[in-house]
Amino acid sequence: GRIHIPIAPKCNIQCGFCTRKITDKE
């Protein structure tokens, strides 16, 4: 297994295919 730690909310680029979400079940 692996553990992804959600500790990094900020992003310095906007990709055309990216939509970041919190409290979402996607």
PDB file of all heavy atoms in Angstrom:
ATOM      1  N   GLY A   1       0.776  -1.228   0.000  1.00  0.00           N
ATOM      2  CA  GLY A   1       0.000   0.000   0.000  1.00  0.00           C
ATOM      3  C   GLY A   1       0.804   1.272   0.000  1.00  0.00           C
ATOM      4  O   GLY A   1       2.020   1.287   0.177  1.00  0.00           O
ATOM      5  N   ARG A   2       0.044   2.347  -0.193  1.00  0.00           N
ATOM      6  CA  ARG A   2       0.609   3.695  -0.135  1.00  0.00           C
ATOM      7  C   ARG A   2      -0.357   4.588   0.638  1.00  0.00           C
ATOM      8  O   ARG A   2      -1.538   4.277   0.797  1.00  0.00           O
ATOM      9  CB  ARG A   2       0.874   4.257  -1.529  1.00  0.00           C
ATOM     10  CG  ARG A   2      -0.259   4.789  -2.400  1.00  0.00           C
ATOM     11  CD  ARG A   2      -1.507   4.116  -2.333  1.00  0.00           C
ATOM     12  NE  ARG A   2      -2.556   4.502  -3.272  1.00  0.00           N
ATOM     13  CZ  ARG A   2      -3.790   4.196  -3.016  1.00  0.00           C
ATOM     14  NH1 ARG A   2      -4.139   3.588  -1.900  1.00  0.00           N
ATOM     15  NH2 ARG A   2      -4.748   4.496  -3.877  1.00  0.00           N
ATOM     16  N   ILE A   3       0.165   5.674   1.152  1.00  0.00           N
ATOM     17  CA  ILE A   3      -0.660   6.686   1.809  1.00  0.00           C
ATOM     18  C   ILE A   3      -0.414   8.011   1.102  1.00  0.00           C
ATOM     19  O   ILE A   3       0.725   8.487   1.052  1.00  0.00           O
ATOM     20  CB  ILE A   3      -0.309   6.843   3.305  1.00  0.00           C
ATOM     21  CG1 ILE A   3      -0.369   5.509   4.031  1.00  0.00           C
ATOM     22  CG2 ILE A   3      -1.239   7.857   3.958  1.00  0.00           C
ATOM     23  CD1 ILE A   3       0.110   5.580   5.479  1.00  0.00           C
ATOM     24  N   HIS A   4      -1.451   8.598   0.546  1.00  0.00           N
ATOM     25  CA  HIS A   4      -1.370   9.952   0.005  1.00  0.00           C
ATOM     26  C   HIS A   4      -1.827  10.920   1.097  1.00  0.00           C
ATOM     27  O   HIS A   4      -2.948  10.804   1.594  1.00  0.00           O
ATOM     28  CB  HIS A   4      -2.278  10.117  -1.214  1.00  0.00           C
ATOM     29  CG  HIS A   4      -1.763   9.457  -2.446  1.00  0.00           C
ATOM     30  ND1 HIS A   4      -2.465   9.439  -3.628  1.00  0.00           N
ATOM     31  CD2 HIS A   4      -0.607   8.803  -2.702  1.00  0.00           C
ATOM     32  CE1 HIS A   4      -1.776   8.788  -4.552  1.00  0.00           C
ATOM     33  NE2 HIS A   4      -0.640   8.396  -4.002  1.00  0.00           N
ATOM     34  N   ILE A   5      -0.972  11.829   1.461  1.00  0.00           N
ATOM     35  CA  ILE A   5      -1.288  12.797   2.504  1.00  0.00           C
ATOM     36  C   ILE A   5      -1.798  14.093   1.869  1.00  0.00           C
ATOM     37  O   ILE A   5      -1.060  14.760   1.143  1.00  0.00           O
ATOM     38  CB  ILE A   5      -0.058  13.105   3.379  1.00  0.00           C
ATOM     39  CG1 ILE A   5       0.490  11.823   4.028  1.00  0.00           C
ATOM     40  CG2 ILE A   5      -0.413  14.156   4.427  1.00  0.00           C
ATOM     41  CD1 ILE A   5      -0.453  11.160   4.981  1.00  0.00           C
ATOM     42  N   PRO A   6      -3.052  14.480   2.148  1.00  0.00           N
ATOM     43  CA  PRO A   6      -3.583  15.727   1.573  1.00  0.00           C
ATOM     44  C   PRO A   6      -3.162  16.941   2.400  1.00  0.00           C
ATOM     45  O   PRO A   6      -3.901  17.442   3.247  1.00  0.00           O
ATOM     46  CB  PRO A   6      -5.100  15.502   1.635  1.00  0.00           C
ATOM     47  CG  PRO A   6      -5.287  14.645   2.848  1.00  0.00           C
ATOM     48  CD  PRO A   6      -4.078  13.751   2.920  1.00  0.00           C
ATOM     49  N   ILE A   7      -1.952  17.377   2.133  1.00  0.00           N
ATOM     50  CA  ILE A   7      -1.376  18.454   2.942  1.00  0.00           C
ATOM     51  C   ILE A   7      -1.032  19.672   2.090  1.00  0.00           C
ATOM     52  O   ILE A   7      -0.542  20.677   2.588  1.00  0.00           O
ATOM     53  CB  ILE A   7      -0.111  17.914   3.673  1.00  0.00           C
ATOM     54  CG1 ILE A   7       0.225  18.750   4.903  1.00  0.00           C
ATOM     55  CG2 ILE A   7       1.077  17.805   2.721  1.00  0.00           C
ATOM     56  CD1 ILE A   7       1.280  18.123   5.791  1.00  0.00           C
ATOM     57  N   ALA A   8      -1.326  19.579   0.788  1.00  0.00           N
ATOM     58  CA  ALA A   8      -0.863  20.596  -0.162  1.00  0.00           C
ATOM     59  C   ALA A   8      -2.024  21.175  -0.974  1.00  0.00           C
ATOM     60  O   ALA A   8      -2.253  20.775  -2.116  1.00  0.00           O
ATOM     61  CB  ALA A   8       0.181  19.980  -1.087  1.00  0.00           C
ATOM     62  N   PRO A   9      -2.777  22.118  -0.429  1.00  0.00           N
ATOM     63  CA  PRO A   9      -3.934  22.657  -1.155  1.00  0.00           C
ATOM     64  C   PRO A   9      -3.594  23.672  -2.244  1.00  0.00           C
ATOM     65  O   PRO A   9      -4.314  23.790  -3.240  1.00  0.00           O
ATOM     66  CB  PRO A   9      -4.760  23.317  -0.053  1.00  0.00           C
ATOM     67  CG  PRO A   9      -3.749  23.704   0.992  1.00  0.00           C
ATOM     68  CD  PRO A   9      -2.703  22.610   0.960  1.00  0.00           C
ATOM     69  N   LYS A  10      -2.503  24.413  -2.060  1.00  0.00           N
ATOM     70  CA  LYS A  10      -2.181  25.476  -3.029  1.00  0.00           C
ATOM     71  C   LYS A  10      -1.529  24.912  -4.281  1.00  0.00           C
ATOM     72  O   LYS A  10      -0.801  23.922  -4.232  1.00  0.00           O
ATOM     73  CB  LYS A  10      -1.234  26.499  -2.392  1.00  0.00           C
ATOM     74  CG  LYS A  10      -1.831  27.271  -1.238  1.00  0.00           C
ATOM     75  CD  LYS A  10      -0.903  28.384  -0.788  1.00  0.00           C
ATOM     76  CE  LYS A  10       0.400  27.829  -0.240  1.00  0.00           C
ATOM     77  NZ  LYS A  10       1.333  28.888   0.208  1.00  0.00           N
ATOM     78  N   CYS A  11      -1.778  25.572  -5.412  1.00  0.00           N
ATOM     79  CA  CYS A  11      -1.125  25.187  -6.664  1.00  0.00           C
ATOM     80  C   CYS A  11      -0.722  26.435  -7.432  1.00  0.00           C
ATOM     81  O   CYS A  11      -1.451  27.431  -7.453  1.00  0.00           O
ATOM     82  CB  CYS A  11      -2.054  24.318  -7.517  1.00  0.00           C
ATOM     83  SG  CYS A  11      -1.189  23.520  -8.902  1.00  0.00           S
ATOM     84  N   ASN A  12       0.444  26.369  -8.063  1.00  0.00           N
ATOM     85  CA  ASN A  12       0.987  27.545  -8.756  1.00  0.00           C
ATOM     86  C   ASN A  12       0.755  27.532 -10.260  1.00  0.00           C
ATOM     87  O   ASN A  12       1.252  28.413 -10.967  1.00  0.00           O
ATOM     88  CB  ASN A  12       2.486  27.683  -8.456  1.00  0.00           C
ATOM     89  CG  ASN A  12       3.210  26.353  -8.524  1.00  0.00           C
ATOM     90  OD1 ASN A  12       2.742  25.398  -9.143  1.00  0.00           O
ATOM     91  ND2 ASN A  12       4.365  26.279  -7.876  1.00  0.00           N
ATOM     92  N   ILE A  13       0.054  26.528 -10.767  1.00  0.00           N
ATOM     93  CA  ILE A  13      -0.347  26.567 -12.169  1.00  0.00           C
ATOM     94  C   ILE A  13      -1.801  26.152 -12.277  1.00  0.00           C
ATOM     95  O   ILE A  13      -2.346  25.497 -11.382  1.00  0.00           O
ATOM     96  CB  ILE A  13       0.529  25.670 -13.082  1.00  0.00           C
ATOM     97  CG1 ILE A  13       0.204  24.192 -12.888  1.00  0.00           C
ATOM     98  CG2 ILE A  13       2.008  25.920 -12.851  1.00  0.00           C
ATOM     99  CD1 ILE A  13       0.934  23.305 -13.886  1.00  0.00           C
ATOM    100  N   GLN A  14      -2.446  26.552 -13.366  1.00  0.00           N
ATOM    101  CA  GLN A  14      -3.804  26.108 -13.640  1.00  0.00           C
ATOM    102  C   GLN A  14      -3.801  25.341 -14.948  1.00  0.00           C
ATOM    103  O   GLN A  14      -3.615  25.926 -16.017  1.00  0.00           O
ATOM    104  CB  GLN A  14      -4.774  27.290 -13.735  1.00  0.00           C
ATOM    105  CG  GLN A  14      -6.209  26.889 -14.061  1.00  0.00           C
ATOM    106  CD  GLN A  14      -6.794  25.919 -13.040  1.00  0.00           C
ATOM    107  OE1 GLN A  14      -6.870  26.227 -11.850  1.00  0.00           O
ATOM    108  NE2 GLN A  14      -7.216  24.734 -13.486  1.00  0.00           N
ATOM    109  N   CYS A  15      -3.955  24.030 -14.837  1.00  0.00           N
ATOM    110  CA  CYS A  15      -4.068  23.188 -16.027  1.00  0.00           C
ATOM    111  C   CYS A  15      -5.502  23.244 -16.535  1.00  0.00           C
ATOM    112  O   CYS A  15      -6.450  23.305 -15.749  1.00  0.00           O
ATOM    113  CB  CYS A  15      -3.714  21.743 -15.702  1.00  0.00           C
ATOM    114  SG  CYS A  15      -2.044  21.520 -15.072  1.00  0.00           S
ATOM    115  N   GLY A  16      -5.652  23.171 -17.848  1.00  0.00           N
ATOM    116  CA  GLY A  16      -6.976  23.264 -18.437  1.00  0.00           C
ATOM    117  C   GLY A  16      -7.890  22.113 -18.100  1.00  0.00           C
ATOM    118  O   GLY A  16      -9.109  22.233 -18.231  1.00  0.00           O
ATOM    119  N   PHE A  17      -7.321  20.988 -17.636  1.00  0.00           N
ATOM    120  CA  PHE A  17      -8.140  19.821 -17.321  1.00  0.00           C
ATOM    121  C   PHE A  17      -8.321  19.611 -15.824  1.00  0.00           C
ATOM    122  O   PHE A  17      -8.906  18.611 -15.404  1.00  0.00           O
ATOM    123  CB  PHE A  17      -7.517  18.543 -17.913  1.00  0.00           C
ATOM    124  CG  PHE A  17      -6.081  18.328 -17.539  1.00  0.00           C
ATOM    125  CD1 PHE A  17      -5.725  17.896 -16.280  1.00  0.00           C
ATOM    126  CD2 PHE A  17      -5.074  18.584 -18.459  1.00  0.00           C
ATOM    127  CE1 PHE A  17      -4.396  17.723 -15.932  1.00  0.00           C
ATOM    128  CE2 PHE A  17      -3.743  18.402 -18.124  1.00  0.00           C
ATOM    129  CZ  PHE A  17      -3.406  17.962 -16.862  1.00  0.00           C
ATOM    130  N   CYS A  18      -7.834  20.530 -15.009  1.00  0.00           N
ATOM    131  CA  CYS A  18      -7.806  20.307 -13.565  1.00  0.00           C
ATOM    132  C   CYS A  18      -8.868  21.123 -12.842  1.00  0.00           C
ATOM    133  O   CYS A  18      -9.009  22.326 -13.071  1.00  0.00           O
ATOM    134  CB  CYS A  18      -6.426  20.663 -13.001  1.00  0.00           C
ATOM    135  SG  CYS A  18      -6.293  20.341 -11.225  1.00  0.00           S
ATOM    136  N   THR A  19      -9.585  20.451 -11.953  1.00  0.00           N
ATOM    137  CA  THR A  19     -10.510  21.104 -11.034  1.00  0.00           C
ATOM    138  C   THR A  19     -10.247  20.521  -9.653  1.00  0.00           C
ATOM    139  O   THR A  19     -10.526  19.349  -9.406  1.00  0.00           O
ATOM    140  CB  THR A  19     -11.981  20.848 -11.431  1.00  0.00           C
ATOM    141  OG1 THR A  19     -12.190  21.309 -12.760  1.00  0.00           O
ATOM    142  CG2 THR A  19     -12.924  21.575 -10.493  1.00  0.00           C
ATOM    143  N   ARG A  20      -9.676  21.314  -8.761  1.00  0.00           N
ATOM    144  CA  ARG A  20      -9.361  20.838  -7.420  1.00  0.00           C
ATOM    145  C   ARG A  20     -10.581  20.996  -6.518  1.00  0.00           C
ATOM    146  O   ARG A  20     -11.263  22.021  -6.575  1.00  0.00           O
ATOM    147  CB  ARG A  20      -8.166  21.614  -6.847  1.00  0.00           C
ATOM    148  CG  ARG A  20      -6.883  21.380  -7.607  1.00  0.00           C
ATOM    149  CD  ARG A  20      -5.736  22.175  -7.033  1.00  0.00           C
ATOM    150  NE  ARG A  20      -5.884  23.604  -7.235  1.00  0.00           N
ATOM    151  CZ  ARG A  20      -5.564  24.233  -8.360  1.00  0.00           C
ATOM    152  NH1 ARG A  20      -5.096  23.566  -9.387  1.00  0.00           N
ATOM    153  NH2 ARG A  20      -5.714  25.537  -8.455  1.00  0.00           N
ATOM    154  N   LYS A  21     -10.848  20.001  -5.687  1.00  0.00           N
ATOM    155  CA  LYS A  21     -12.022  20.037  -4.825  1.00  0.00           C
ATOM    156  C   LYS A  21     -11.714  19.471  -3.447  1.00  0.00           C
ATOM    157  O   LYS A  21     -10.928  18.547  -3.316  1.00  0.00           O
ATOM    158  CB  LYS A  21     -13.177  19.235  -5.442  1.00  0.00           C
ATOM    159  CG  LYS A  21     -13.809  19.888  -6.671  1.00  0.00           C
ATOM    160  CD  LYS A  21     -15.029  19.117  -7.132  1.00  0.00           C
ATOM    161  CE  LYS A  21     -15.681  19.788  -8.333  1.00  0.00           C
ATOM    162  NZ  LYS A  21     -16.881  19.029  -8.790  1.00  0.00           N
ATOM    163  N   ILE A  22     -12.380  20.043  -2.438  1.00  0.00           N
ATOM    164  CA  ILE A  22     -12.322  19.548  -1.066  1.00  0.00           C
ATOM    165  C   ILE A  22     -13.729  19.068  -0.693  1.00  0.00           C
ATOM    166  O   ILE A  22     -14.724  19.607  -1.171  1.00  0.00           O
ATOM    167  CB  ILE A  22     -11.866  20.659  -0.089  1.00  0.00           C
ATOM    168  CG1 ILE A  22     -10.547  21.279  -0.563  1.00  0.00           C
ATOM    169  CG2 ILE A  22     -11.744  20.118   1.334  1.00  0.00           C
ATOM    170  CD1 ILE A  22      -9.377  20.332  -0.546  1.00  0.00           C
ATOM    171  N   THR A  23     -13.806  18.063   0.216  1.00  0.00           N
ATOM    172  CA  THR A  23     -15.065  17.454   0.645  1.00  0.00           C
ATOM    173  C   THR A  23     -15.906  17.031  -0.552  1.00  0.00           C
ATOM    174  O   THR A  23     -17.068  17.374  -0.678  1.00  0.00           O
ATOM    175  CB  THR A  23     -15.886  18.387   1.567  1.00  0.00           C
ATOM    176  OG1 THR A  23     -16.318  19.538   0.846  1.00  0.00           O
ATOM    177  CG2 THR A  23     -15.065  18.809   2.750  1.00  0.00           C
ATOM    178  N   ASP A  24     -15.302  16.305  -1.442  1.00  0.00           N
ATOM    179  CA  ASP A  24     -15.981  15.817  -2.637  1.00  0.00           C
ATOM    180  C   ASP A  24     -15.700  14.331  -2.786  1.00  0.00           C
ATOM    181  O   ASP A  24     -14.644  13.856  -2.401  1.00  0.00           O
ATOM    182  CB  ASP A  24     -15.474  16.575  -3.875  1.00  0.00           C
ATOM    183  CG  ASP A  24     -16.391  16.395  -5.062  1.00  0.00           C
ATOM    184  OD1 ASP A  24     -16.342  15.311  -5.662  1.00  0.00           O
ATOM    185  OD2 ASP A  24     -17.135  17.322  -5.388  1.00  0.00           O
ATOM    186  N   LYS A  25     -16.623  13.587  -3.367  1.00  0.00           N
ATOM    187  CA  LYS A  25     -16.475  12.133  -3.437  1.00  0.00           C
ATOM    188  C   LYS A  25     -16.011  11.629  -4.794  1.00  0.00           C
ATOM    189  O   LYS A  25     -16.064  10.443  -5.060  1.00  0.00           O
ATOM    190  CB  LYS A  25     -17.802  11.465  -3.046  1.00  0.00           C
ATOM    191  CG  LYS A  25     -18.149  11.705  -1.588  1.00  0.00           C
ATOM    192  CD  LYS A  25     -19.358  10.910  -1.159  1.00  0.00           C
ATOM    193  CE  LYS A  25     -19.648  11.151   0.320  1.00  0.00           C
ATOM    194  NZ  LYS A  25     -20.806  10.354   0.790  1.00  0.00           N
ATOM    195  N   GLU A  26     -15.550  12.497  -5.653  1.00  0.00           N
ATOM    196  CA  GLU A  26     -15.033  12.040  -6.947  1.00  0.00           C
ATOM    197  C   GLU A  26     -13.746  11.253  -6.745  1.00  0.00           C
ATOM    198  O   GLU A  26     -12.901  11.614  -5.927  1.00  0.00           O
ATOM    199  CB  GLU A  26     -14.755  13.235  -7.862  1.00  0.00           C
ATOM    200  CG  GLU A  26     -15.993  13.993  -8.297  1.00  0.00           C
ATOM    201  CD  GLU A  26     -15.624  15.187  -9.152  1.00  0.00           C
ATOM    202  OE1 GLU A  26     -15.081  14.975 -10.256  1.00  0.00           O
ATOM    203  OE2 GLU A  26     -15.859  16.321  -8.722  1.00  0.00           O
TER     204      GLU A  26
END
